[in-house]
Amino acid sequence: MSRKIYYPFILFLLFFLIYYAGSFTKIPFADCVGFVFLVEKGEFMQVATATSHFLYINTAILIKNIFGISAIEASRFLVIITAAATVSIIYATVKTITRTEWISITSAFVFGFSFSFWRNAEIVEVYTYNSLWISLFFYCIIKSFTDHKKQYIILGSIFLGISLWIHIQNIMLVPAFLLFIFYFRSEKKYAYSSLLIFTILFLSLFILNISQGLSLNSPYSSDQGTWVQNSFKKTAIQYALDLVKSVVYLLYNFNLFTVFGIIGIIALYKSYRKMFFVFFTASLFVYGFATFYAVSDNYVFFIPFNIIFALSIGYGISVIKKPYLKKISWVCLLIPALYFSAFKIAYNTKKGKEFHDFKSYKGGLNYYMLPWMNNNSGILEFTIEKKKAPEPVNWMTYSALEYIELLKSKGYTEEQIKKL
């Protein structure tokens, strides 16, 4: 087996095992139970709204049907497989631009261990599946610029178009895509074909929904909340705090490697000006949206930006060209210890203990500061035992009740359900 195949395969296998070992023991809180419920029902999604996640749900149902496994295991399989595959693509993308093996491996570990991505690889969520297609889109952009292989111009449009069927947030990448096509406008055959393919995939969202009786704006709207509207109703202080929080997220995800990411941004501007502006445009829209979006779990919306920043970290390391960096690159393996240390420090403070106690119903500080989710608190057990939370959780328990009733209709007892 050649090195070109060997390293991505090893990284995939390694992170598959890491993510599987840390995967949830019981269905976690937040949106997880809603996703599992839809997969358990087994009714293929026929609309593509902002919250239906058409391709994610239908892929999980397909896995469940093909392998004859439970909705929980089908969801776990999809999340972990796509997470591990994304790490391998990060490696391949950094290798394309740096041409250096150890830097590519280091970048893959840095991203694979980044908190937001690792956490989403351990629960039932849409974001690792989404990351797979977004990382392929970024890979095609870099391949187009560095290797001048024209087929990647078309492939990029396919991957971005497919990603919209998973999460409509990816519409924030359209300006970057259009700039990318503009830079390759001289390749008329490929540029126009790419634009046409993307347009068809994008418009198909609207055609599907309208055929199901939904409104024209249904692909990017939802009747479950007014998050977008609320994002424009904040005070100046709230916007400032959002910005500070976004920086904290960045530092917690990439720790000391954040410095290399900044160096990589500057170096890319100097060396690959056109590529820089494509990724800068993508970052500007994604980071801005994630920063000010009025939801409690906005950290997940930074993940597409985090992919870009991980690529920048790899490029930043490559331009420094200091031999000692290769010798100390193994430091990326200590990132899990950093999370555990931060958790211990926070837990031993007065404010930390207060927060831990307040959020104890879903795991306390463990839930918020440690990416792995094994031996976690479960929403089904919480709901069946009619436990109380010090904050509103009705939107979670409503989905849990639906799932519980469905499981009971299939012969599960409450004791069996509490273990799920």
Protein backbone atom coordinates (compact mmCIF):
# COMPACT_ATOMS: atom_id res chain seq x y z
CA MET A 1 0.00 0.00 0.00
CA SER A 2 1.44 3.38 -1.01
CA ARG A 3 1.95 6.23 1.45
CA LYS A 4 -0.67 8.27 -0.37
CA ILE A 5 -3.30 5.73 0.68
CA TYR A 6 -1.69 4.54 3.89
CA TYR A 7 -1.79 7.75 5.97
CA PRO A 8 -5.43 8.73 5.23
CA PHE A 9 -6.51 5.17 6.00
CA ILE A 10 -4.60 5.06 9.29
CA LEU A 11 -5.98 8.45 10.32
CA PHE A 12 -9.50 7.34 9.45
CA LEU A 13 -9.17 4.12 11.44
CA LEU A 14 -7.54 5.85 14.41
CA PHE A 15 -10.14 8.59 14.71
CA PHE A 16 -12.95 6.14 14.11
CA LEU A 17 -11.75 4.23 17.18
CA ILE A 18 -11.26 7.44 19.21
CA TYR A 19 -14.72 8.74 18.38
CA TYR A 20 -16.34 5.34 18.90
CA ALA A 21 -14.66 4.94 22.31
CA GLY A 22 -15.97 8.34 23.44
CA SER A 23 -19.41 8.09 21.84
CA PHE A 24 -22.54 8.67 23.91
CA THR A 25 -23.77 5.89 26.21
CA LYS A 26 -27.30 7.29 26.38
CA ILE A 27 -29.03 9.66 23.96
CA PRO A 28 -27.78 13.12 25.04
CA PHE A 29 -29.77 16.29 25.53
CA ALA A 30 -30.29 19.04 22.87
CA ASP A 31 -31.49 17.98 19.39
CA CYS A 32 -30.17 14.41 19.54
CA VAL A 33 -33.39 12.64 20.50
CA GLY A 34 -35.31 14.46 17.76
CA PHE A 35 -32.95 13.10 15.12
CA VAL A 36 -33.08 9.56 16.51
CA PHE A 37 -36.89 9.72 16.67
CA LEU A 38 -37.14 10.62 12.98
CA VAL A 39 -34.78 7.80 12.04
CA GLU A 40 -36.69 5.35 14.24
CA LYS A 41 -39.96 6.31 12.51
CA GLY A 42 -38.30 5.35 9.26
CA GLU A 43 -40.31 7.76 7.11
CA PHE A 44 -38.05 9.29 4.50
CA MET A 45 -37.92 13.07 4.64
CA GLN A 46 -39.82 14.65 1.75
CA VAL A 47 -39.12 18.32 2.41
CA ALA A 48 -35.88 20.28 2.74
CA THR A 49 -36.44 23.05 5.29
CA ALA A 50 -33.91 24.76 7.54
CA THR A 51 -34.50 22.20 10.30
CA SER A 52 -35.43 19.02 8.41
CA HIS A 53 -31.84 18.19 7.32
CA PHE A 54 -33.16 16.20 4.37
CA LEU A 55 -30.05 14.27 3.34
CA TYR A 56 -28.84 13.56 6.88
CA ILE A 57 -32.12 11.99 8.04
CA ASN A 58 -32.63 10.02 4.84
CA THR A 59 -29.05 8.69 4.87
CA ALA A 60 -29.43 7.53 8.49
CA ILE A 61 -32.74 5.80 7.65
CA LEU A 62 -31.09 4.12 4.66
CA ILE A 63 -28.26 2.83 6.86
CA LYS A 64 -30.80 1.57 9.40
CA ASN A 65 -32.74 -0.29 6.71
CA ILE A 66 -29.71 -1.75 4.91
CA PHE A 67 -27.94 -3.08 8.00
CA GLY A 68 -31.04 -3.86 10.08
CA ILE A 69 -29.74 -1.95 13.08
CA SER A 70 -31.45 0.39 15.54
CA ALA A 71 -31.95 4.07 14.85
CA ILE A 72 -29.44 4.86 17.61
CA GLU A 73 -26.69 2.71 16.10
CA ALA A 74 -27.44 3.88 12.55
CA SER A 75 -27.10 7.48 13.71
CA ARG A 76 -23.91 6.71 15.64
CA PHE A 77 -22.44 4.94 12.59
CA LEU A 78 -23.20 7.86 10.25
CA VAL A 79 -21.80 10.48 12.63
CA ILE A 80 -18.58 8.62 13.46
CA ILE A 81 -17.82 7.40 9.93
CA THR A 82 -18.21 10.87 8.43
CA ALA A 83 -16.23 12.47 11.26
CA ALA A 84 -13.28 10.12 10.76
CA ALA A 85 -13.47 10.59 6.99
CA THR A 86 -13.39 14.39 7.42
CA VAL A 87 -10.15 14.14 9.42
CA SER A 88 -8.58 12.19 6.54
CA ILE A 89 -9.71 14.85 4.07
CA ILE A 90 -8.11 17.55 6.24
CA TYR A 91 -4.87 15.58 5.96
CA ALA A 92 -5.19 15.29 2.16
CA THR A 93 -6.03 18.98 1.77
CA VAL A 94 -3.08 20.22 3.84
CA LYS A 95 -0.83 17.77 1.98
CA THR A 96 -1.98 19.33 -1.31
CA ILE A 97 -0.85 22.82 -0.31
CA THR A 98 2.18 22.04 1.91
CA ARG A 99 3.51 18.88 0.18
CA THR A 100 4.72 17.80 3.63
CA GLU A 101 3.64 14.61 5.37
CA TRP A 102 4.23 15.46 9.03
CA ILE A 103 2.53 18.86 8.76
CA SER A 104 -0.51 17.25 7.17
CA ILE A 105 -0.71 14.63 9.92
CA THR A 106 -0.31 17.28 12.63
CA SER A 107 -3.08 19.40 11.10
CA ALA A 108 -5.37 16.37 10.95
CA PHE A 109 -4.81 15.69 14.66
CA VAL A 110 -5.33 19.34 15.58
CA PHE A 111 -8.66 19.42 13.77
CA GLY A 112 -9.72 15.92 14.83
CA PHE A 113 -9.16 16.91 18.46
CA SER A 114 -10.74 20.37 18.13
CA PHE A 115 -13.47 20.58 20.74
CA SER A 116 -16.48 21.51 18.61
CA PHE A 117 -15.85 18.87 15.98
CA TRP A 118 -14.87 16.15 18.46
CA ARG A 119 -17.97 16.82 20.56
CA ASN A 120 -20.22 16.51 17.51
CA ALA A 121 -18.54 13.24 16.59
CA GLU A 122 -19.70 11.86 19.95
CA ILE A 123 -23.41 12.76 19.78
CA VAL A 124 -26.28 12.46 17.31
CA GLU A 125 -26.00 15.60 15.24
CA VAL A 126 -25.83 16.71 11.62
CA TYR A 127 -22.52 18.57 11.74
CA THR A 128 -19.95 15.85 11.06
CA TYR A 129 -21.89 14.66 8.01
CA ASN A 130 -22.08 18.28 6.91
CA SER A 131 -18.34 18.72 7.53
CA LEU A 132 -17.54 15.85 5.20
CA TRP A 133 -19.07 17.60 2.19
CA ILE A 134 -17.75 21.03 3.17
CA SER A 135 -14.21 19.68 3.58
CA LEU A 136 -14.48 18.08 0.12
CA PHE A 137 -15.56 21.46 -1.27
CA PHE A 138 -12.51 23.15 0.27
CA TYR A 139 -10.29 20.33 -1.00
CA CYS A 140 -11.52 20.99 -4.55
CA ILE A 141 -10.86 24.72 -4.22
CA ILE A 142 -7.25 24.15 -3.19
CA LYS A 143 -6.73 21.45 -5.83
CA SER A 144 -8.02 23.84 -8.50
CA PHE A 145 -5.54 26.54 -7.48
CA THR A 146 -2.46 24.44 -6.73
CA ASP A 147 -2.68 21.52 -9.17
CA HIS A 148 -4.61 23.30 -11.93
CA LYS A 149 -6.84 20.26 -12.39
CA LYS A 150 -9.98 21.61 -14.01
CA GLN A 151 -12.28 18.76 -13.01
CA TYR A 152 -12.10 20.01 -9.42
CA ILE A 153 -13.90 23.19 -10.46
CA ILE A 154 -16.93 21.06 -11.27
CA LEU A 155 -16.53 18.70 -8.33
CA GLY A 156 -16.48 21.67 -5.94
CA SER A 157 -19.91 22.79 -7.14
CA ILE A 158 -21.30 19.28 -6.68
CA PHE A 159 -20.02 18.97 -3.11
CA LEU A 160 -21.27 22.43 -2.10
CA GLY A 161 -24.63 21.81 -3.77
CA ILE A 162 -25.06 18.50 -1.95
CA SER A 163 -24.13 20.15 1.35
CA LEU A 164 -27.13 22.48 1.08
CA TRP A 165 -29.36 19.41 1.33
CA ILE A 166 -27.77 18.63 4.68
CA HIS A 167 -27.64 22.08 6.27
CA ILE A 168 -28.84 25.34 4.76
CA GLN A 169 -26.18 27.24 6.75
CA ASN A 170 -23.88 26.37 3.87
CA ILE A 171 -25.59 29.09 1.86
CA MET A 172 -23.05 31.32 3.63
CA LEU A 173 -20.39 29.75 1.39
CA VAL A 174 -22.10 30.80 -1.85
CA PRO A 175 -20.29 34.18 -2.07
CA ALA A 176 -16.95 32.36 -1.78
CA PHE A 177 -18.05 29.86 -4.42
CA LEU A 178 -19.04 32.65 -6.83
CA LEU A 179 -15.67 34.35 -6.30
CA PHE A 180 -13.97 30.99 -6.93
CA ILE A 181 -15.84 30.63 -10.23
CA PHE A 182 -14.99 34.22 -11.14
CA TYR A 183 -11.27 33.52 -10.76
CA PHE A 184 -11.60 30.56 -13.16
CA ARG A 185 -13.85 32.39 -15.62
CA SER A 186 -11.28 31.90 -18.37
CA GLU A 187 -11.97 28.17 -18.17
CA LYS A 188 -15.42 28.79 -19.59
CA LYS A 189 -16.42 25.16 -20.13
CA TYR A 190 -15.66 24.20 -16.53
CA ALA A 191 -16.75 27.45 -14.86
CA TYR A 192 -20.14 27.57 -16.58
CA SER A 193 -20.74 23.85 -16.03
CA SER A 194 -19.88 24.25 -12.35
CA LEU A 195 -22.21 27.20 -11.98
CA LEU A 196 -25.03 25.37 -13.77
CA ILE A 197 -24.67 22.23 -11.64
CA PHE A 198 -24.70 24.22 -8.42
CA THR A 199 -27.71 26.26 -9.54
CA ILE A 200 -29.66 23.07 -10.33
CA LEU A 201 -28.84 21.52 -6.95
CA PHE A 202 -29.74 24.76 -5.16
CA LEU A 203 -33.00 25.39 -7.02
CA SER A 204 -34.03 21.77 -6.51
CA LEU A 205 -34.51 22.58 -2.81
CA PHE A 206 -37.21 25.09 -3.72
CA ILE A 207 -38.80 22.85 -6.35
CA LEU A 208 -39.09 19.95 -3.90
CA ASN A 209 -40.64 22.09 -1.16
CA ILE A 210 -43.08 23.87 -3.46
CA SER A 211 -44.19 20.48 -4.82
CA GLN A 212 -44.99 19.52 -1.20
CA GLY A 213 -47.09 22.65 -0.69
CA LEU A 214 -44.50 24.67 1.23
CA SER A 215 -43.71 28.35 0.71
CA LEU A 216 -40.94 29.70 -1.51
CA ASN A 217 -38.76 30.67 1.49
CA SER A 218 -39.14 27.28 3.21
CA PRO A 219 -35.59 26.00 2.46
CA TYR A 220 -34.08 28.72 4.68
CA SER A 221 -36.88 29.29 7.18
CA SER A 222 -38.45 27.40 10.06
CA ASP A 223 -41.64 27.54 12.08
CA GLN A 224 -39.77 26.24 15.15
CA GLY A 225 -38.13 29.52 16.15
CA THR A 226 -37.29 33.12 15.24
CA TRP A 227 -33.53 32.81 15.62
CA VAL A 228 -32.61 34.89 12.56
CA GLN A 229 -34.95 37.74 13.52
CA ASN A 230 -33.66 37.68 17.10
CA SER A 231 -30.10 37.94 15.83
CA PHE A 232 -30.84 41.51 14.68
CA LYS A 233 -32.46 42.59 17.95
CA LYS A 234 -29.44 42.47 20.25
CA THR A 235 -27.86 45.42 22.01
CA ALA A 236 -24.36 46.68 21.23
CA ILE A 237 -23.10 45.06 24.44
CA GLN A 238 -24.61 41.72 23.43
CA TYR A 239 -22.93 41.90 20.03
CA ALA A 240 -19.61 42.69 21.71
CA LEU A 241 -20.00 39.76 24.09
CA ASP A 242 -20.83 37.50 21.13
CA LEU A 243 -17.56 38.53 19.52
CA VAL A 244 -15.59 37.83 22.70
CA LYS A 245 -17.28 34.45 23.03
CA SER A 246 -16.36 33.57 19.43
CA VAL A 247 -12.68 34.23 20.20
CA VAL A 248 -12.91 32.03 23.32
CA TYR A 249 -14.39 29.26 21.15
CA LEU A 250 -11.50 29.62 18.71
CA LEU A 251 -8.88 29.43 21.45
CA TYR A 252 -10.54 26.46 23.14
CA ASN A 253 -10.67 24.60 19.84
CA PHE A 254 -7.11 25.30 18.70
CA ASN A 255 -5.18 26.41 21.82
CA LEU A 256 -1.53 27.28 21.02
CA PHE A 257 -2.02 26.21 17.40
CA THR A 258 -4.16 29.35 16.95
CA VAL A 259 -0.90 31.25 16.45
CA PHE A 260 0.01 29.09 13.44
CA GLY A 261 -3.47 29.66 12.03
CA ILE A 262 -2.93 33.42 12.09
CA ILE A 263 0.51 33.01 10.52
CA GLY A 264 -1.06 30.82 7.83
CA ILE A 265 -3.68 33.48 7.02
CA ILE A 266 -0.98 36.14 6.54
CA ALA A 267 1.23 33.78 4.51
CA LEU A 268 -1.66 32.74 2.25
CA TYR A 269 -2.39 36.40 1.51
CA LYS A 270 1.21 36.91 0.43
CA SER A 271 1.61 33.72 -1.58
CA TYR A 272 -1.82 32.75 -2.99
CA ARG A 273 -3.76 36.01 -3.18
CA LYS A 274 -6.76 34.63 -5.09
CA MET A 275 -7.08 31.57 -2.89
CA PHE A 276 -6.82 33.81 0.16
CA PHE A 277 -9.78 35.94 -0.95
CA VAL A 278 -11.94 32.87 -1.60
CA PHE A 279 -11.30 31.51 1.89
CA PHE A 280 -11.46 34.97 3.46
CA THR A 281 -14.92 35.47 1.93
CA ALA A 282 -16.04 32.07 3.19
CA SER A 283 -14.66 32.79 6.66
CA LEU A 284 -16.19 36.25 6.86
CA PHE A 285 -19.73 35.06 6.20
CA VAL A 286 -19.54 31.82 8.22
CA TYR A 287 -17.76 33.34 11.23
CA GLY A 288 -20.02 36.39 11.24
CA PHE A 289 -23.16 34.29 11.04
CA ALA A 290 -22.03 31.88 13.75
CA THR A 291 -20.92 34.72 16.04
CA PHE A 292 -24.17 36.65 16.07
CA TYR A 293 -26.75 33.92 15.43
CA ALA A 294 -29.19 34.01 18.36
CA VAL A 295 -29.15 30.37 19.48
CA SER A 296 -27.75 28.85 22.66
CA ASP A 297 -25.58 26.30 20.82
CA ASN A 298 -24.04 28.62 18.24
CA TYR A 299 -20.63 26.98 18.75
CA VAL A 300 -21.60 24.29 16.21
CA PHE A 301 -22.05 26.86 13.44
CA PHE A 302 -18.34 27.69 13.61
CA ILE A 303 -17.32 24.23 12.42
CA PRO A 304 -17.07 25.12 8.68
CA PHE A 305 -14.86 28.06 9.69
CA ASN A 306 -12.85 25.74 11.95
CA ILE A 307 -12.13 23.55 8.94
CA ILE A 308 -10.70 26.57 7.12
CA PHE A 309 -8.68 27.56 10.18
CA ALA A 310 -7.25 24.04 10.53
CA LEU A 311 -6.05 24.24 6.93
CA SER A 312 -4.53 27.61 7.75
CA ILE A 313 -2.73 26.08 10.73
CA GLY A 314 -1.11 23.55 8.42
CA TYR A 315 -0.02 26.24 6.00
CA GLY A 316 1.22 28.42 8.87
CA ILE A 317 3.45 25.64 10.17
CA SER A 318 4.82 25.00 6.67
CA VAL A 319 5.97 28.58 6.04
CA ILE A 320 7.93 28.88 9.29
CA LYS A 321 10.33 26.12 8.21
CA LYS A 322 11.94 25.62 11.60
CA PRO A 323 13.34 22.11 12.26
CA TYR A 324 12.26 22.16 15.90
CA LEU A 325 8.60 22.36 14.88
CA LYS A 326 8.80 18.86 13.45
CA LYS A 327 10.33 17.59 16.68
CA ILE A 328 7.60 19.07 18.87
CA SER A 329 4.63 18.48 16.53
CA TRP A 330 3.67 15.54 18.75
CA VAL A 331 2.35 18.18 21.20
CA CYS A 332 -0.96 17.98 19.30
CA LEU A 333 -1.45 14.58 20.98
CA LEU A 334 -1.72 16.37 24.34
CA ILE A 335 -4.85 18.33 23.34
CA PRO A 336 -7.18 15.89 25.16
CA ALA A 337 -5.15 16.47 28.34
CA LEU A 338 -5.64 20.21 27.90
CA TYR A 339 -9.43 19.76 27.92
CA PHE A 340 -9.23 17.63 31.05
CA SER A 341 -6.94 20.14 32.78
CA ALA A 342 -9.26 23.05 31.91
CA PHE A 343 -12.19 21.06 33.24
CA LYS A 344 -10.41 20.33 36.53
CA ILE A 345 -9.39 23.97 36.98
CA ALA A 346 -12.92 25.23 36.31
CA TYR A 347 -14.45 22.59 38.57
CA ASN A 348 -12.29 23.69 41.49
CA THR A 349 -13.50 27.29 41.32
CA LYS A 350 -16.59 28.61 43.07
CA LYS A 351 -18.23 29.74 39.84
CA GLY A 352 -17.34 26.45 38.18
CA LYS A 353 -18.99 24.40 40.92
CA GLU A 354 -22.08 26.60 40.80
CA PHE A 355 -22.33 26.12 37.05
CA HIS A 356 -21.71 22.37 37.43
CA ASP A 357 -24.54 22.08 39.94
CA PHE A 358 -26.91 24.21 37.85
CA LYS A 359 -26.31 22.09 34.75
CA SER A 360 -26.01 18.78 36.62
CA TYR A 361 -29.21 17.43 35.06
CA LYS A 362 -27.35 16.94 31.76
CA GLY A 363 -23.83 16.35 33.06
CA GLY A 364 -22.64 19.70 34.39
CA LEU A 365 -19.20 20.93 33.42
CA ASN A 366 -18.40 17.54 31.89
CA TYR A 367 -21.02 18.24 29.22
CA TYR A 368 -19.59 21.65 28.38
CA MET A 369 -15.83 21.19 28.69
CA LEU A 370 -15.05 17.58 27.79
CA PRO A 371 -15.67 16.44 24.20
CA TRP A 372 -16.14 12.73 24.93
CA MET A 373 -19.66 11.65 25.94
CA ASN A 374 -19.45 8.11 27.30
CA ASN A 375 -21.25 7.52 30.61
CA ASN A 376 -23.34 10.63 29.95
CA SER A 377 -26.74 11.64 31.31
CA GLY A 378 -29.61 10.60 29.05
CA ILE A 379 -32.66 12.59 28.01
CA LEU A 380 -34.92 9.49 27.95
CA GLU A 381 -34.15 8.55 31.56
CA PHE A 382 -34.60 12.20 32.56
CA THR A 383 -38.01 12.31 30.87
CA ILE A 384 -39.33 8.97 32.11
CA GLU A 385 -38.38 9.74 35.71
CA LYS A 386 -40.01 13.20 35.35
CA LYS A 387 -36.94 14.97 36.64
CA LYS A 388 -36.89 18.74 36.83
CA ALA A 389 -34.34 21.13 35.34
CA PRO A 390 -33.61 24.66 36.60
CA GLU A 391 -34.18 25.97 33.05
CA PRO A 392 -36.69 25.30 30.24
CA VAL A 393 -36.13 21.94 28.51
CA ASN A 394 -39.66 21.39 27.18
CA TRP A 395 -38.50 21.37 23.57
CA MET A 396 -36.21 18.42 24.38
CA THR A 397 -38.63 16.42 26.50
CA TYR A 398 -41.39 16.83 23.88
CA SER A 399 -39.28 14.95 21.32
CA ALA A 400 -38.25 12.46 24.01
CA LEU A 401 -41.90 11.72 24.85
CA GLU A 402 -42.64 11.07 21.17
CA TYR A 403 -39.70 8.69 20.93
CA ILE A 404 -40.64 6.93 24.17
CA GLU A 405 -44.19 6.32 22.93
CA LEU A 406 -42.87 4.97 19.65
CA LEU A 407 -40.52 2.58 21.46
CA LYS A 408 -43.31 1.41 23.77
CA SER A 409 -45.45 0.63 20.73
CA LYS A 410 -42.60 -1.64 19.58
CA GLY A 411 -42.57 -3.54 22.87
CA TYR A 412 -39.87 -1.72 24.87
CA THR A 413 -40.40 -1.36 28.61
CA GLU A 414 -39.61 1.85 30.48
CA GLU A 415 -36.62 0.21 32.15
CA GLN A 416 -35.22 -0.76 28.75
CA ILE A 417 -35.84 2.71 27.35
CA LYS A 418 -34.07 4.44 30.27
CA LYS A 419 -30.86 2.64 29.24
CA LEU A 420 -30.95 4.05 25.72
